[in-house]
Every structure is written in structure tokens, then in C-alpha cells.
């Protein structure tokens, strides 16, 4: 099984814009928040996929 998870392009564009404007702290914070959200989604997906397998 393959899955593609994304937090969307808005956060990516916001981060890129912050870096381009020289606001490196904001850019790094946006990147960190996006990473945390993505890892959280991945963990949730894994739990959701494992649950039926355990019950079966």
C-alpha cells in the first residue's frame, strides 16, 4: 500500500516567502509546524491501517 500525505502548498509557500523576505525564524517555524503536522498525520494513518488488521 502506498499513501501520499501532504499538509498542502499554502504552508510551503508561506515558508518560502518568509525565507525570501529574510524572516528566517518565521520560515523555520513554519517548516517545523508543517513537519509536526505531517508526522502526526502519518502516525494517525498507521494506527487506522493497523486497527482492522488486528481485529481481523
N, C-alpha and C. Protein backbone atom coordinates (compact mmCIF):
# COMPACT_ATOMS: atom_id res chain seq x y z
N UNK A 1 0.84 -1.17 0.00
CA UNK A 1 0.00 0.00 0.00
C UNK A 1 0.89 1.24 0.00
N UNK A 2 0.48 2.19 -0.78
CA UNK A 2 1.17 3.48 -0.83
C UNK A 2 0.19 4.56 -0.41
N UNK A 3 0.70 5.55 0.26
CA UNK A 3 -0.13 6.69 0.64
C UNK A 3 0.69 7.96 0.46
N UNK A 4 0.03 8.99 0.04
CA UNK A 4 0.68 10.28 -0.14
C UNK A 4 0.00 11.26 0.82
N UNK A 5 0.77 11.73 1.77
CA UNK A 5 0.25 12.68 2.74
C UNK A 5 0.91 14.04 2.51
N UNK A 6 0.13 15.08 2.65
CA UNK A 6 0.67 16.43 2.47
C UNK A 6 -0.07 17.40 3.39
N UNK A 7 0.62 18.42 3.79
CA UNK A 7 -0.03 19.47 4.58
C UNK A 7 -0.52 20.59 3.66
N UNK A 8 -0.28 20.45 2.39
CA UNK A 8 -0.77 21.43 1.42
C UNK A 8 0.31 22.43 1.03
N UNK A 9 0.01 23.15 -0.01
CA UNK A 9 1.02 24.06 -0.53
C UNK A 9 0.99 25.44 0.12
N UNK A 10 -0.08 25.78 0.81
CA UNK A 10 -0.14 27.11 1.45
C UNK A 10 0.99 27.28 2.47
N UNK A 11 1.18 26.28 3.31
CA UNK A 11 2.22 26.37 4.33
C UNK A 11 3.60 26.41 3.67
N UNK A 12 3.74 25.65 2.60
CA UNK A 12 5.02 25.62 1.88
C UNK A 12 5.33 26.99 1.27
N UNK A 13 4.31 27.59 0.66
CA UNK A 13 4.51 28.92 0.06
C UNK A 13 4.79 29.97 1.14
N UNK A 14 4.10 29.84 2.26
CA UNK A 14 4.32 30.79 3.35
C UNK A 14 5.75 30.71 3.86
N UNK A 15 6.25 29.50 4.01
CA UNK A 15 7.62 29.30 4.48
C UNK A 15 8.62 29.87 3.47
N UNK A 16 8.42 29.55 2.21
CA UNK A 16 9.31 30.05 1.16
C UNK A 16 9.31 31.57 1.11
N UNK A 17 8.14 32.17 1.25
CA UNK A 17 8.03 33.63 1.24
C UNK A 17 8.76 34.24 2.44
N UNK A 18 8.62 33.61 3.61
CA UNK A 18 9.30 34.12 4.80
C UNK A 18 10.81 34.10 4.61
N UNK A 19 11.33 32.99 4.09
CA UNK A 19 12.77 32.91 3.84
C UNK A 19 13.21 33.95 2.81
N UNK A 20 12.42 34.14 1.75
CA UNK A 20 12.76 35.10 0.71
C UNK A 20 12.78 36.53 1.26
N UNK A 21 11.95 36.80 2.25
CA UNK A 21 11.88 38.13 2.86
C UNK A 21 12.93 38.30 3.95
N UNK A 22 13.72 37.27 4.19
CA UNK A 22 14.76 37.35 5.20
C UNK A 22 14.28 37.04 6.61
N UNK A 23 13.04 36.60 6.74
CA UNK A 23 12.49 36.25 8.06
C UNK A 23 12.73 34.76 8.30
N UNK A 24 13.98 34.44 8.63
CA UNK A 24 14.40 33.05 8.74
C UNK A 24 13.76 32.33 9.93
N UNK A 25 13.55 33.04 11.01
CA UNK A 25 12.92 32.41 12.18
C UNK A 25 11.49 31.99 11.82
N UNK A 26 10.75 32.89 11.16
CA UNK A 26 9.38 32.54 10.76
C UNK A 26 9.39 31.38 9.77
N UNK A 27 10.29 31.40 8.83
CA UNK A 27 10.39 30.31 7.85
C UNK A 27 10.68 28.98 8.51
N UNK A 28 11.61 28.98 9.47
CA UNK A 28 11.94 27.74 10.17
C UNK A 28 10.78 27.27 11.04
N UNK A 29 10.07 28.21 11.66
CA UNK A 29 8.91 27.84 12.48
C UNK A 29 7.81 27.23 11.62
N UNK A 30 7.56 27.82 10.47
CA UNK A 30 6.54 27.27 9.58
C UNK A 30 6.94 25.88 9.09
N UNK A 31 8.21 25.69 8.76
CA UNK A 31 8.68 24.37 8.35
C UNK A 31 8.52 23.35 9.47
N UNK A 32 8.85 23.75 10.69
CA UNK A 32 8.75 22.85 11.84
C UNK A 32 7.28 22.48 12.10
N UNK A 33 6.39 23.44 11.99
CA UNK A 33 4.96 23.16 12.21
C UNK A 33 4.43 22.22 11.12
N UNK A 34 4.86 22.44 9.89
CA UNK A 34 4.42 21.56 8.81
C UNK A 34 4.95 20.15 9.01
N UNK A 35 6.20 20.02 9.43
CA UNK A 35 6.77 18.70 9.70
C UNK A 35 6.01 17.99 10.82
N UNK A 36 5.72 18.71 11.88
CA UNK A 36 5.00 18.12 13.02
C UNK A 36 3.61 17.64 12.58
N UNK A 37 2.93 18.44 11.79
CA UNK A 37 1.60 18.06 11.31
C UNK A 37 1.69 16.82 10.41
N UNK A 38 2.69 16.79 9.56
CA UNK A 38 2.85 15.66 8.65
C UNK A 38 3.16 14.37 9.42
N UNK A 39 4.05 14.45 10.40
CA UNK A 39 4.38 13.26 11.19
C UNK A 39 3.17 12.79 11.99
N UNK A 40 2.37 13.72 12.46
CA UNK A 40 1.15 13.37 13.19
C UNK A 40 0.15 12.66 12.27
N UNK A 41 0.01 13.16 11.06
CA UNK A 41 -0.89 12.52 10.10
C UNK A 41 -0.41 11.11 9.77
N UNK A 42 0.90 10.95 9.63
CA UNK A 42 1.46 9.64 9.32
C UNK A 42 1.16 8.64 10.44
N UNK A 43 1.35 9.07 11.68
CA UNK A 43 1.09 8.19 12.82
C UNK A 43 -0.40 7.82 12.87
N UNK A 44 -1.26 8.78 12.62
CA UNK A 44 -2.70 8.51 12.62
C UNK A 44 -3.09 7.54 11.52
N UNK A 45 -2.51 7.69 10.36
CA UNK A 45 -2.79 6.78 9.25
C UNK A 45 -2.32 5.37 9.58
N UNK A 46 -1.15 5.25 10.15
CA UNK A 46 -0.64 3.92 10.52
C UNK A 46 -1.57 3.25 11.53
N UNK A 47 -2.03 3.99 12.52
CA UNK A 47 -2.97 3.42 13.51
C UNK A 47 -4.25 2.96 12.82
N UNK A 48 -4.77 3.80 11.93
CA UNK A 48 -6.01 3.46 11.23
C UNK A 48 -5.86 2.23 10.34
N UNK A 49 -4.70 2.05 9.75
CA UNK A 49 -4.48 0.90 8.89
C UNK A 49 -4.22 -0.37 9.70
N UNK A 50 -3.60 -0.26 10.84
CA UNK A 50 -3.30 -1.43 11.66
C UNK A 50 -4.51 -1.96 12.40
N UNK A 51 -5.43 -1.09 12.75
CA UNK A 51 -6.60 -1.50 13.54
C UNK A 51 -7.40 -2.63 12.88
N UNK A 52 -7.79 -2.52 11.63
CA UNK A 52 -8.54 -3.63 11.00
C UNK A 52 -7.70 -4.91 10.90
N UNK A 53 -6.42 -4.76 10.73
CA UNK A 53 -5.56 -5.94 10.63
C UNK A 53 -5.51 -6.70 11.96
N UNK A 54 -5.53 -5.98 13.06
CA UNK A 54 -5.51 -6.61 14.38
C UNK A 54 -6.85 -7.26 14.70
N UNK A 55 -7.91 -6.64 14.21
CA UNK A 55 -9.26 -7.15 14.53
C UNK A 55 -9.63 -8.36 13.68
N UNK A 56 -8.97 -8.46 12.53
CA UNK A 56 -9.34 -9.49 11.55
C UNK A 56 -8.98 -10.84 11.96
